[in-house]
């Protein structure tokens, strides 16, 4: 079962980011809102996305890992928010296009993002 989401930056002066998480197995879209500067993992948890977040957003367990569907999008996020040593240690050497959602924060984006969970 793959879960993927599309992040889209809202228009206007609002500092809210809105995106849908789509659960393929259930054929259901889950609307998610997050304030700029907030943690992706917190928004996913509030929306009841099926991740366990076992370490409580402390970058220790890897249970909040997500994959960017498009490698170019991963590159943009990587450049803006490079992974710290702790995250690289948790994800290991096969981390291309994977990130921990507890280490990604919402900031103004110019493109739509797709993630696989």
PDB file of N, CA and C in Angstrom:
ATOM      1  N   UNK A   1       0.843  -1.184   0.000  1.00  0.00           N
ATOM      2  CA  UNK A   1       0.000   0.000   0.000  1.00  0.00           C
ATOM      3  C   UNK A   1       0.880   1.236   0.000  1.00  0.00           C
ATOM      4  N   UNK A   2       0.741   2.016  -1.009  1.00  0.00           N
ATOM      5  CA  UNK A   2       1.516   3.251  -1.115  1.00  0.00           C
ATOM      6  C   UNK A   2       0.622   4.429  -0.764  1.00  0.00           C
ATOM      7  N   UNK A   3       1.186   5.341  -0.096  1.00  0.00           N
ATOM      8  CA  UNK A   3       0.494   6.577   0.250  1.00  0.00           C
ATOM      9  C   UNK A   3       1.312   7.695  -0.350  1.00  0.00           C
ATOM     10  N   UNK A   4       0.684   8.538  -1.117  1.00  0.00           N
ATOM     11  CA  UNK A   4       1.438   9.650  -1.686  1.00  0.00           C
ATOM     12  C   UNK A   4       0.657  10.920  -1.487  1.00  0.00           C
ATOM     13  N   UNK A   5       1.391  11.984  -1.386  1.00  0.00           N
ATOM     14  CA  UNK A   5       0.753  13.276  -1.150  1.00  0.00           C
ATOM     15  C   UNK A   5       1.280  14.315  -2.105  1.00  0.00           C
ATOM     16  N   UNK A   6       0.484  15.298  -2.351  1.00  0.00           N
ATOM     17  CA  UNK A   6       0.900  16.414  -3.180  1.00  0.00           C
ATOM     18  C   UNK A   6       0.844  17.651  -2.310  1.00  0.00           C
ATOM     19  N   UNK A   7       1.942  18.369  -2.201  1.00  0.00           N
ATOM     20  CA  UNK A   7       1.985  19.604  -1.430  1.00  0.00           C
ATOM     21  C   UNK A   7       1.803  20.747  -2.425  1.00  0.00           C
ATOM     22  N   UNK A   8       0.962  21.659  -2.122  1.00  0.00           N
ATOM     23  CA  UNK A   8       0.826  22.847  -2.966  1.00  0.00           C
ATOM     24  C   UNK A   8       0.778  24.061  -2.065  1.00  0.00           C
ATOM     25  N   UNK A   9       1.533  25.060  -2.386  1.00  0.00           N
ATOM     26  CA  UNK A   9       1.560  26.313  -1.641  1.00  0.00           C
ATOM     27  C   UNK A   9       0.304  27.086  -1.982  1.00  0.00           C
ATOM     28  N   UNK A  10      -0.415  27.514  -0.984  1.00  0.00           N
ATOM     29  CA  UNK A  10      -1.620  28.311  -1.183  1.00  0.00           C
ATOM     30  C   UNK A  10      -1.284  29.679  -1.737  1.00  0.00           C
ATOM     31  N   UNK A  11      -2.247  30.312  -2.379  1.00  0.00           N
ATOM     32  CA  UNK A  11      -2.058  31.638  -2.947  1.00  0.00           C
ATOM     33  C   UNK A  11      -2.491  32.693  -1.944  1.00  0.00           C
ATOM     34  N   UNK A  12      -2.141  33.929  -2.198  1.00  0.00           N
ATOM     35  CA  UNK A  12      -2.532  35.029  -1.334  1.00  0.00           C
ATOM     36  C   UNK A  12      -1.527  35.230  -0.225  1.00  0.00           C
ATOM     37  N   UNK A  13      -1.965  35.926   0.804  1.00  0.00           N
ATOM     38  CA  UNK A  13      -1.063  36.268   1.893  1.00  0.00           C
ATOM     39  C   UNK A  13      -1.068  35.236   3.014  1.00  0.00           C
ATOM     40  N   UNK A  14      -1.896  34.229   2.907  1.00  0.00           N
ATOM     41  CA  UNK A  14      -1.979  33.190   3.929  1.00  0.00           C
ATOM     42  C   UNK A  14      -0.644  32.474   4.072  1.00  0.00           C
ATOM     43  N   UNK A  15      -0.302  32.131   5.297  1.00  0.00           N
ATOM     44  CA  UNK A  15       0.928  31.390   5.541  1.00  0.00           C
ATOM     45  C   UNK A  15       0.617  29.916   5.761  1.00  0.00           C
ATOM     46  N   UNK A  16      -0.495  29.461   5.185  1.00  0.00           N
ATOM     47  CA  UNK A  16      -0.871  28.060   5.272  1.00  0.00           C
ATOM     48  C   UNK A  16      -0.451  27.347   3.989  1.00  0.00           C
ATOM     49  N   UNK A  17      -0.004  26.121   4.152  1.00  0.00           N
ATOM     50  CA  UNK A  17       0.327  25.258   3.030  1.00  0.00           C
ATOM     51  C   UNK A  17      -0.701  24.150   3.053  1.00  0.00           C
ATOM     52  N   UNK A  18      -1.298  23.882   1.911  1.00  0.00           N
ATOM     53  CA  UNK A  18      -2.327  22.850   1.813  1.00  0.00           C
ATOM     54  C   UNK A  18      -1.868  21.794   0.815  1.00  0.00           C
ATOM     55  N   UNK A  19      -2.089  20.540   1.175  1.00  0.00           N
ATOM     56  CA  UNK A  19      -1.805  19.461   0.241  1.00  0.00           C
ATOM     57  C   UNK A  19      -2.719  18.295   0.567  1.00  0.00           C
ATOM     58  N   UNK A  20      -2.838  17.379  -0.358  1.00  0.00           N
ATOM     59  CA  UNK A  20      -3.637  16.182  -0.152  1.00  0.00           C
ATOM     60  C   UNK A  20      -2.720  14.977  -0.070  1.00  0.00           C
ATOM     61  N   UNK A  21      -3.017  14.092   0.850  1.00  0.00           N
ATOM     62  CA  UNK A  21      -2.352  12.797   0.911  1.00  0.00           C
ATOM     63  C   UNK A  21      -3.356  11.807   0.343  1.00  0.00           C
ATOM     64  N   UNK A  22      -2.950  11.024  -0.608  1.00  0.00           N
ATOM     65  CA  UNK A  22      -3.843  10.074  -1.251  1.00  0.00           C
ATOM     66  C   UNK A  22      -3.439   8.662  -0.881  1.00  0.00           C
ATOM     67  N   UNK A  23      -4.359   7.917  -0.256  1.00  0.00           N
ATOM     68  CA  UNK A  23      -4.115   6.523   0.108  1.00  0.00           C
ATOM     69  C   UNK A  23      -4.658   5.670  -1.029  1.00  0.00           C
ATOM     70  N   UNK A  24      -3.757   5.104  -1.826  1.00  0.00           N
ATOM     71  CA  UNK A  24      -4.175   4.346  -3.004  1.00  0.00           C
ATOM     72  C   UNK A  24      -5.050   3.148  -2.657  1.00  0.00           C
ATOM     73  N   UNK A  25      -4.669   2.394  -1.630  1.00  0.00           N
ATOM     74  CA  UNK A  25      -5.418   1.186  -1.284  1.00  0.00           C
ATOM     75  C   UNK A  25      -6.870   1.498  -0.932  1.00  0.00           C
ATOM     76  N   UNK A  26      -7.092   2.650  -0.284  1.00  0.00           N
ATOM     77  CA  UNK A  26      -8.441   3.046   0.105  1.00  0.00           C
ATOM     78  C   UNK A  26      -9.063   4.013  -0.901  1.00  0.00           C
ATOM     79  N   UNK A  27      -8.293   4.421  -1.890  1.00  0.00           N
ATOM     80  CA  UNK A  27      -8.741   5.394  -2.884  1.00  0.00           C
ATOM     81  C   UNK A  27      -9.324   6.634  -2.212  1.00  0.00           C
ATOM     82  N   UNK A  28      -8.581   7.154  -1.237  1.00  0.00           N
ATOM     83  CA  UNK A  28      -9.045   8.274  -0.427  1.00  0.00           C
ATOM     84  C   UNK A  28      -7.996   9.379  -0.371  1.00  0.00           C
ATOM     85  N   UNK A  29      -8.434  10.595  -0.589  1.00  0.00           N
ATOM     86  CA  UNK A  29      -7.554  11.752  -0.439  1.00  0.00           C
ATOM     87  C   UNK A  29      -7.781  12.352   0.938  1.00  0.00           C
ATOM     88  N   UNK A  30      -6.701  12.660   1.641  1.00  0.00           N
ATOM     89  CA  UNK A  30      -6.779  13.249   2.971  1.00  0.00           C
ATOM     90  C   UNK A  30      -6.235  14.672   2.883  1.00  0.00           C
ATOM     91  N   UNK A  31      -7.089  15.684   3.086  1.00  0.00           N
ATOM     92  CA  UNK A  31      -6.597  17.060   3.027  1.00  0.00           C
ATOM     93  C   UNK A  31      -5.769  17.392   4.263  1.00  0.00           C
ATOM     94  N   UNK A  32      -4.656  18.064   4.051  1.00  0.00           N
ATOM     95  CA  UNK A  32      -3.754  18.428   5.142  1.00  0.00           C
ATOM     96  C   UNK A  32      -3.417  19.902   5.021  1.00  0.00           C
ATOM     97  N   UNK A  33      -3.415  20.595   6.145  1.00  0.00           N
ATOM     98  CA  UNK A  33      -2.997  21.993   6.205  1.00  0.00           C
ATOM     99  C   UNK A  33      -1.848  22.102   7.185  1.00  0.00           C
ATOM    100  N   UNK A  34      -0.907  22.966   6.855  1.00  0.00           N
ATOM    101  CA  UNK A  34       0.224  23.198   7.757  1.00  0.00           C
ATOM    102  C   UNK A  34       0.652  24.653   7.647  1.00  0.00           C
ATOM    103  N   UNK A  35       1.100  25.200   8.731  1.00  0.00           N
ATOM    104  CA  UNK A  35       1.644  26.564   8.719  1.00  0.00           C
ATOM    105  C   UNK A  35       3.083  26.517   8.232  1.00  0.00           C
ATOM    106  N   UNK A  36       3.478  27.559   7.507  1.00  0.00           N
ATOM    107  CA  UNK A  36       4.876  27.657   7.101  1.00  0.00           C
ATOM    108  C   UNK A  36       5.751  27.605   8.342  1.00  0.00           C
ATOM    109  N   UNK A  37       6.836  26.844   8.258  1.00  0.00           N
ATOM    110  CA  UNK A  37       7.748  26.699   9.380  1.00  0.00           C
ATOM    111  C   UNK A  37       7.431  25.498  10.254  1.00  0.00           C
ATOM    112  N   UNK A  38       6.270  24.855  10.050  1.00  0.00           N
ATOM    113  CA  UNK A  38       5.922  23.690  10.868  1.00  0.00           C
ATOM    114  C   UNK A  38       6.572  22.427  10.299  1.00  0.00           C
ATOM    115  N   UNK A  39       6.649  21.408  11.138  1.00  0.00           N
ATOM    116  CA  UNK A  39       7.280  20.150  10.776  1.00  0.00           C
ATOM    117  C   UNK A  39       6.314  19.272   9.975  1.00  0.00           C
ATOM    118  N   UNK A  40       6.803  18.692   8.883  1.00  0.00           N
ATOM    119  CA  UNK A  40       5.993  17.800   8.061  1.00  0.00           C
ATOM    120  C   UNK A  40       5.423  16.653   8.893  1.00  0.00           C
ATOM    121  N   UNK A  41       6.231  16.041   9.750  1.00  0.00           N
ATOM    122  CA  UNK A  41       5.773  14.905  10.556  1.00  0.00           C
ATOM    123  C   UNK A  41       4.573  15.272  11.428  1.00  0.00           C
ATOM    124  N   UNK A  42       4.587  16.452  12.023  1.00  0.00           N
ATOM    125  CA  UNK A  42       3.461  16.873  12.870  1.00  0.00           C
ATOM    126  C   UNK A  42       2.178  16.980  12.054  1.00  0.00           C
ATOM    127  N   UNK A  43       2.282  17.514  10.854  1.00  0.00           N
ATOM    128  CA  UNK A  43       1.097  17.635   9.993  1.00  0.00           C
ATOM    129  C   UNK A  43       0.584  16.265   9.569  1.00  0.00           C
ATOM    130  N   UNK A  44       1.487  15.347   9.273  1.00  0.00           N
ATOM    131  CA  UNK A  44       1.070  13.997   8.899  1.00  0.00           C
ATOM    132  C   UNK A  44       0.388  13.294  10.070  1.00  0.00           C
ATOM    133  N   UNK A  45       0.937  13.460  11.265  1.00  0.00           N
ATOM    134  CA  UNK A  45       0.343  12.831  12.453  1.00  0.00           C
ATOM    135  C   UNK A  45      -1.035  13.405  12.753  1.00  0.00           C
ATOM    136  N   UNK A  46      -1.171  14.723  12.676  1.00  0.00           N
ATOM    137  CA  UNK A  46      -2.481  15.349  12.921  1.00  0.00           C
ATOM    138  C   UNK A  46      -3.532  14.855  11.943  1.00  0.00           C
ATOM    139  N   UNK A  47      -3.111  14.497  10.741  1.00  0.00           N
ATOM    140  CA  UNK A  47      -4.035  14.018   9.715  1.00  0.00           C
ATOM    141  C   UNK A  47      -4.238  12.500   9.777  1.00  0.00           C
ATOM    142  N   UNK A  48      -3.683  11.859  10.817  1.00  0.00           N
ATOM    143  CA  UNK A  48      -3.812  10.405  11.004  1.00  0.00           C
ATOM    144  C   UNK A  48      -3.219   9.593   9.859  1.00  0.00           C
ATOM    145  N   UNK A  49      -2.126  10.093   9.286  1.00  0.00           N
ATOM    146  CA  UNK A  49      -1.401   9.342   8.257  1.00  0.00           C
ATOM    147  C   UNK A  49      -0.736   8.153   8.959  1.00  0.00           C
ATOM    148  N   UNK A  50      -0.810   6.953   8.353  1.00  0.00           N
ATOM    149  CA  UNK A  50      -0.337   5.744   9.046  1.00  0.00           C
ATOM    150  C   UNK A  50       1.181   5.604   9.154  1.00  0.00           C
ATOM    151  N   UNK A  51       1.778   6.445   9.974  1.00  0.00           N
ATOM    152  CA  UNK A  51       3.187   6.341  10.353  1.00  0.00           C
ATOM    153  C   UNK A  51       3.216   6.308  11.876  1.00  0.00           C
ATOM    154  N   UNK A  52       4.193   5.619  12.472  1.00  0.00           N
ATOM    155  CA  UNK A  52       4.140   5.445  13.935  1.00  0.00           C
ATOM    156  C   UNK A  52       4.872   6.515  14.743  1.00  0.00           C
ATOM    157  N   UNK A  53       5.819   7.218  14.172  1.00  0.00           N
ATOM    158  CA  UNK A  53       6.532   8.299  14.880  1.00  0.00           C
ATOM    159  C   UNK A  53       7.008   7.841  16.267  1.00  0.00           C
ATOM    160  N   UNK A  54       7.623   6.669  16.324  1.00  0.00           N
ATOM    161  CA  UNK A  54       7.989   6.029  17.591  1.00  0.00           C
ATOM    162  C   UNK A  54       8.901   6.856  18.490  1.00  0.00           C
ATOM    163  N   UNK A  55       9.804   7.629  17.940  1.00  0.00           N
ATOM    164  CA  UNK A  55      10.748   8.373  18.784  1.00  0.00           C
ATOM    165  C   UNK A  55      10.258   9.776  19.122  1.00  0.00           C
ATOM    166  N   UNK A  56       9.056  10.103  18.709  1.00  0.00           N
ATOM    167  CA  UNK A  56       8.518  11.424  19.042  1.00  0.00           C
ATOM    168  C   UNK A  56       9.214  12.571  18.345  1.00  0.00           C
ATOM    169  N   UNK A  57       9.566  12.394  17.081  1.00  0.00           N
ATOM    170  CA  UNK A  57      10.194  13.434  16.250  1.00  0.00           C
ATOM    171  C   UNK A  57      11.624  13.750  16.684  1.00  0.00           C
ATOM    172  N   UNK A  58      12.347  12.784  17.218  1.00  0.00           N
ATOM    173  CA  UNK A  58      13.713  13.009  17.681  1.00  0.00           C
ATOM    174  C   UNK A  58      14.787  12.492  16.734  1.00  0.00           C
ATOM    175  N   UNK A  59      14.407  12.120  15.520  1.00  0.00           N
ATOM    176  CA  UNK A  59      15.378  11.682  14.508  1.00  0.00           C
ATOM    177  C   UNK A  59      16.176  10.464  14.968  1.00  0.00           C
ATOM    178  N   UNK A  60      15.479   9.507  15.597  1.00  0.00           N
ATOM    179  CA  UNK A  60      16.172   8.335  16.130  1.00  0.00           C
ATOM    180  C   UNK A  60      15.704   6.998  15.575  1.00  0.00           C
ATOM    181  N   UNK A  61      14.462   6.917  15.055  1.00  0.00           N
ATOM    182  CA  UNK A  61      13.924   5.599  14.731  1.00  0.00           C
ATOM    183  C   UNK A  61      13.673   5.344  13.244  1.00  0.00           C
ATOM    184  N   UNK A  62      13.406   6.364  12.473  1.00  0.00           N
ATOM    185  CA  UNK A  62      13.141   6.188  11.048  1.00  0.00           C
ATOM    186  C   UNK A  62      11.711   5.829  10.704  1.00  0.00           C
ATOM    187  N   UNK A  63      10.819   5.779  11.692  1.00  0.00           N
ATOM    188  CA  UNK A  63       9.434   5.386  11.407  1.00  0.00           C
ATOM    189  C   UNK A  63       8.611   6.480  10.736  1.00  0.00           C
ATOM    190  N   UNK A  64       9.182   7.655  10.555  1.00  0.00           N
ATOM    191  CA  UNK A  64       8.485   8.751   9.865  1.00  0.00           C
ATOM    192  C   UNK A  64       9.055   8.971   8.472  1.00  0.00           C
ATOM    193  N   UNK A  65       9.814   7.997   7.966  1.00  0.00           N
ATOM    194  CA  UNK A  65      10.464   8.157   6.664  1.00  0.00           C
ATOM    195  C   UNK A  65       9.444   8.295   5.540  1.00  0.00           C
ATOM    196  N   UNK A  66       9.746   9.194   4.625  1.00  0.00           N
ATOM    197  CA  UNK A  66       8.955   9.388   3.418  1.00  0.00           C
ATOM    198  C   UNK A  66       9.906   9.359   2.234  1.00  0.00           C
ATOM    199  N   UNK A  67       9.363   9.130   1.048  1.00  0.00           N
ATOM    200  CA  UNK A  67      10.173   9.164  -0.169  1.00  0.00           C
ATOM    201  C   UNK A  67       9.570  10.186  -1.111  1.00  0.00           C
ATOM    202  N   UNK A  68      10.415  11.006  -1.710  1.00  0.00           N
ATOM    203  CA  UNK A  68       9.946  11.934  -2.731  1.00  0.00           C
ATOM    204  C   UNK A  68       9.815  11.173  -4.036  1.00  0.00           C
ATOM    205  N   UNK A  69       8.655  11.277  -4.645  1.00  0.00           N
ATOM    206  CA  UNK A  69       8.383  10.558  -5.885  1.00  0.00           C
ATOM    207  C   UNK A  69       9.291  11.036  -7.012  1.00  0.00           C
ATOM    208  N   UNK A  70       9.548  12.331  -7.065  1.00  0.00           N
ATOM    209  CA  UNK A  70      10.355  12.917  -8.119  1.00  0.00           C
ATOM    210  C   UNK A  70      11.746  13.262  -7.570  1.00  0.00           C
ATOM    211  N   UNK A  71      12.810  12.666  -8.121  1.00  0.00           N
ATOM    212  CA  UNK A  71      14.161  12.972  -7.634  1.00  0.00           C
ATOM    213  C   UNK A  71      14.514  14.459  -7.726  1.00  0.00           C
ATOM    214  N   UNK A  72      13.967  15.168  -8.712  1.00  0.00           N
ATOM    215  CA  UNK A  72      14.244  16.605  -8.824  1.00  0.00           C
ATOM    216  C   UNK A  72      13.682  17.360  -7.625  1.00  0.00           C
ATOM    217  N   UNK A  73      12.503  16.958  -7.161  1.00  0.00           N
ATOM    218  CA  UNK A  73      11.902  17.583  -5.983  1.00  0.00           C
ATOM    219  C   UNK A  73      12.758  17.296  -4.751  1.00  0.00           C
ATOM    220  N   UNK A  74      13.224  16.053  -4.627  1.00  0.00           N
ATOM    221  CA  UNK A  74      14.123  15.702  -3.529  1.00  0.00           C
ATOM    222  C   UNK A  74      15.345  16.621  -3.542  1.00  0.00           C
ATOM    223  N   UNK A  75      15.900  16.856  -4.734  1.00  0.00           N
ATOM    224  CA  UNK A  75      17.084  17.711  -4.851  1.00  0.00           C
ATOM    225  C   UNK A  75      16.809  19.123  -4.355  1.00  0.00           C
ATOM    226  N   UNK A  76      15.621  19.663  -4.665  1.00  0.00           N
ATOM    227  CA  UNK A  76      15.256  21.009  -4.214  1.00  0.00           C
ATOM    228  C   UNK A  76      15.199  21.049  -2.692  1.00  0.00           C
ATOM    229  N   UNK A  77      14.516  20.077  -2.086  1.00  0.00           N
ATOM    230  CA  UNK A  77      14.393  20.038  -0.625  1.00  0.00           C
ATOM    231  C   UNK A  77      15.771  19.795  -0.008  1.00  0.00           C
ATOM    232  N   UNK A  78      16.570  18.921  -0.618  1.00  0.00           N
ATOM    233  CA  UNK A  78      17.912  18.638  -0.122  1.00  0.00           C
ATOM    234  C   UNK A  78      18.753  19.910  -0.086  1.00  0.00           C
ATOM    235  N   UNK A  79      18.661  20.728  -1.139  1.00  0.00           N
ATOM    236  CA  UNK A  79      19.427  21.966  -1.192  1.00  0.00           C
ATOM    237  C   UNK A  79      18.947  22.963  -0.140  1.00  0.00           C
ATOM    238  N   UNK A  80      17.629  23.060   0.046  1.00  0.00           N
ATOM    239  CA  UNK A  80      17.074  24.021   0.999  1.00  0.00           C
ATOM    240  C   UNK A  80      17.205  23.545   2.446  1.00  0.00           C
ATOM    241  N   UNK A  81      17.109  22.237   2.652  1.00  0.00           N
ATOM    242  CA  UNK A  81      17.157  21.662   3.999  1.00  0.00           C
ATOM    243  C   UNK A  81      18.000  20.385   3.964  1.00  0.00           C
ATOM    244  N   UNK A  82      19.314  20.509   3.884  1.00  0.00           N
ATOM    245  CA  UNK A  82      20.157  19.315   3.798  1.00  0.00           C
ATOM    246  C   UNK A  82      20.027  18.440   5.042  1.00  0.00           C
ATOM    247  N   UNK A  83      20.092  17.118   4.863  1.00  0.00           N
ATOM    248  CA  UNK A  83      19.986  16.234   6.027  1.00  0.00           C
ATOM    249  C   UNK A  83      21.190  16.387   6.950  1.00  0.00           C
ATOM    250  N   UNK A  84      20.908  16.354   8.244  1.00  0.00           N
ATOM    251  CA  UNK A  84      21.971  16.419   9.252  1.00  0.00           C
ATOM    252  C   UNK A  84      22.560  15.022   9.428  1.00  0.00           C
ATOM    253  N   UNK A  85      23.675  14.948  10.122  1.00  0.00           N
ATOM    254  CA  UNK A  85      24.364  13.669  10.335  1.00  0.00           C
ATOM    255  C   UNK A  85      23.451  12.636  10.983  1.00  0.00           C
ATOM    256  N   UNK A  86      22.629  13.044  11.952  1.00  0.00           N
ATOM    257  CA  UNK A  86      21.731  12.119  12.642  1.00  0.00           C
ATOM    258  C   UNK A  86      20.745  11.481  11.663  1.00  0.00           C
ATOM    259  N   UNK A  87      20.196  12.302  10.759  1.00  0.00           N
ATOM    260  CA  UNK A  87      19.237  11.781   9.784  1.00  0.00           C
ATOM    261  C   UNK A  87      19.927  10.826   8.816  1.00  0.00           C
ATOM    262  N   UNK A  88      21.101  11.185   8.348  1.00  0.00           N
ATOM    263  CA  UNK A  88      21.848  10.303   7.440  1.00  0.00           C
ATOM    264  C   UNK A  88      22.162   8.979   8.119  1.00  0.00           C
ATOM    265  N   UNK A  89      22.461   9.014   9.420  1.00  0.00           N
ATOM    266  CA  UNK A  89      22.750   7.799  10.165  1.00  0.00           C
ATOM    267  C   UNK A  89      21.519   6.888  10.255  1.00  0.00           C
ATOM    268  N   UNK A  90      20.362   7.479  10.510  1.00  0.00           N
ATOM    269  CA  UNK A  90      19.120   6.694  10.620  1.00  0.00           C
ATOM    270  C   UNK A  90      18.737   6.101   9.270  1.00  0.00           C
ATOM    271  N   UNK A  91      18.842   6.879   8.198  1.00  0.00           N
ATOM    272  CA  UNK A  91      18.416   6.423   6.876  1.00  0.00           C
ATOM    273  C   UNK A  91      19.423   5.487   6.219  1.00  0.00           C
ATOM    274  N   UNK A  92      20.691   5.638   6.537  1.00  0.00           N
ATOM    275  CA  UNK A  92      21.713   4.785   5.942  1.00  0.00           C
ATOM    276  C   UNK A  92      22.081   5.209   4.527  1.00  0.00           C
ATOM    277  N   UNK A  93      22.908   4.400   3.870  1.00  0.00           N
ATOM    278  CA  UNK A  93      23.448   4.787   2.560  1.00  0.00           C
ATOM    279  C   UNK A  93      22.428   4.775   1.422  1.00  0.00           C
ATOM    280  N   UNK A  94      21.297   4.127   1.592  1.00  0.00           N
ATOM    281  CA  UNK A  94      20.311   4.055   0.513  1.00  0.00           C
ATOM    282  C   UNK A  94      19.263   5.151   0.644  1.00  0.00           C
ATOM    283  N   UNK A  95      19.674   6.316   1.105  1.00  0.00           N
ATOM    284  CA  UNK A  95      18.716   7.368   1.420  1.00  0.00           C
ATOM    285  C   UNK A  95      18.373   8.292   0.254  1.00  0.00           C
ATOM    286  N   UNK A  96      18.830   7.990  -0.985  1.00  0.00           N
ATOM    287  CA  UNK A  96      18.493   8.926  -2.061  1.00  0.00           C
ATOM    288  C   UNK A  96      16.980   8.940  -2.271  1.00  0.00           C
ATOM    289  N   UNK A  97      16.429  10.083  -2.266  1.00  0.00           N
ATOM    290  CA  UNK A  97      15.000  10.432  -2.348  1.00  0.00           C
ATOM    291  C   UNK A  97      14.223  10.133  -1.069  1.00  0.00           C
ATOM    292  N   UNK A  98      14.855   9.582  -0.045  1.00  0.00           N
ATOM    293  CA  UNK A  98      14.193   9.355   1.243  1.00  0.00           C
ATOM    294  C   UNK A  98      14.603  10.433   2.235  1.00  0.00           C
ATOM    295  N   UNK A  99      13.666  10.841   3.060  1.00  0.00           N
ATOM    296  CA  UNK A  99      13.942  11.774   4.156  1.00  0.00           C
ATOM    297  C   UNK A  99      13.069  11.390   5.340  1.00  0.00           C
ATOM    298  N   UNK A 100      13.457  11.868   6.520  1.00  0.00           N
ATOM    299  CA  UNK A 100      12.620  11.718   7.705  1.00  0.00           C
ATOM    300  C   UNK A 100      11.701  12.933   7.772  1.00  0.00           C
ATOM    301  N   UNK A 101      10.405  12.697   7.891  1.00  0.00           N
ATOM    302  CA  UNK A 101       9.462  13.814   7.904  1.00  0.00           C
ATOM    303  C   UNK A 101       9.633  14.690   9.137  1.00  0.00           C
ATOM    304  N   UNK A 102      10.290  14.165  10.180  1.00  0.00           N
ATOM    305  CA  UNK A 102      10.550  14.988  11.366  1.00  0.00           C
ATOM    306  C   UNK A 102      11.696  15.969  11.143  1.00  0.00           C
ATOM    307  N   UNK A 103      12.348  15.879  10.002  1.00  0.00           N
ATOM    308  CA  UNK A 103      13.466  16.771   9.702  1.00  0.00           C
ATOM    309  C   UNK A 103      13.163  17.729   8.558  1.00  0.00           C
ATOM    310  N   UNK A 104      11.915  17.732   8.082  1.00  0.00           N
ATOM    311  CA  UNK A 104      11.511  18.605   6.984  1.00  0.00           C
ATOM    312  C   UNK A 104      10.488  19.601   7.512  1.00  0.00           C
ATOM    313  N   UNK A 105      10.730  20.855   7.228  1.00  0.00           N
ATOM    314  CA  UNK A 105       9.846  21.920   7.672  1.00  0.00           C
ATOM    315  C   UNK A 105       9.255  22.619   6.462  1.00  0.00           C
ATOM    316  N   UNK A 106       7.994  23.015   6.583  1.00  0.00           N
ATOM    317  CA  UNK A 106       7.306  23.684   5.484  1.00  0.00           C
ATOM    318  C   UNK A 106       7.789  25.114   5.343  1.00  0.00           C
ATOM    319  N   UNK A 107       8.224  25.445   4.166  1.00  0.00           N
ATOM    320  CA  UNK A 107       8.586  26.809   3.825  1.00  0.00           C
ATOM    321  C   UNK A 107       7.963  27.119   2.474  1.00  0.00           C
ATOM    322  N   UNK A 108       7.957  28.362   2.114  1.00  0.00           N
ATOM    323  CA  UNK A 108       7.380  28.786   0.847  1.00  0.00           C
ATOM    324  C   UNK A 108       7.963  27.938  -0.282  1.00  0.00           C
ATOM    325  N   UNK A 109       7.092  27.309  -1.055  1.00  0.00           N
ATOM    326  CA  UNK A 109       7.531  26.452  -2.154  1.00  0.00           C
ATOM    327  C   UNK A 109       6.993  26.993  -3.468  1.00  0.00           C
ATOM    328  N   UNK A 110       7.744  26.776  -4.517  1.00  0.00           N
ATOM    329  CA  UNK A 110       7.336  27.260  -5.838  1.00  0.00           C
ATOM    330  C   UNK A 110       6.734  26.157  -6.696  1.00  0.00           C
ATOM    331  N   UNK A 111       6.861  24.895  -6.263  1.00  0.00           N
ATOM    332  CA  UNK A 111       6.377  23.787  -7.061  1.00  0.00           C
ATOM    333  C   UNK A 111       5.543  22.840  -6.204  1.00  0.00           C
ATOM    334  N   UNK A 112       4.830  21.930  -6.857  1.00  0.00           N
ATOM    335  CA  UNK A 112       4.062  20.902  -6.140  1.00  0.00           C
ATOM    336  C   UNK A 112       5.019  19.759  -5.781  1.00  0.00           C
ATOM    337  N   UNK A 113       4.766  19.116  -4.677  1.00  0.00           N
ATOM    338  CA  UNK A 113       5.597  18.023  -4.202  1.00  0.00           C
ATOM    339  C   UNK A 113       4.769  16.760  -4.077  1.00  0.00           C
ATOM    340  N   UNK A 114       5.333  15.638  -4.455  1.00  0.00           N
ATOM    341  CA  UNK A 114       4.700  14.345  -4.261  1.00  0.00           C
ATOM    342  C   UNK A 114       5.592  13.519  -3.354  1.00  0.00           C
ATOM    343  N   UNK A 115       4.972  12.874  -2.377  1.00  0.00           N
ATOM    344  CA  UNK A 115       5.732  11.987  -1.478  1.00  0.00           C
ATOM    345  C   UNK A 115       5.077  10.613  -1.467  1.00  0.00           C
ATOM    346  N   UNK A 116       5.870   9.615  -1.175  1.00  0.00           N
ATOM    347  CA  UNK A 116       5.399   8.241  -1.030  1.00  0.00           C
ATOM    348  C   UNK A 116       5.701   7.842   0.401  1.00  0.00           C
ATOM    349  N   UNK A 117       4.695   7.308   1.059  1.00  0.00           N
ATOM    350  CA  UNK A 117       4.869   6.889   2.447  1.00  0.00           C
ATOM    351  C   UNK A 117       4.523   5.419   2.568  1.00  0.00           C
TER     352      UNK A 117
END
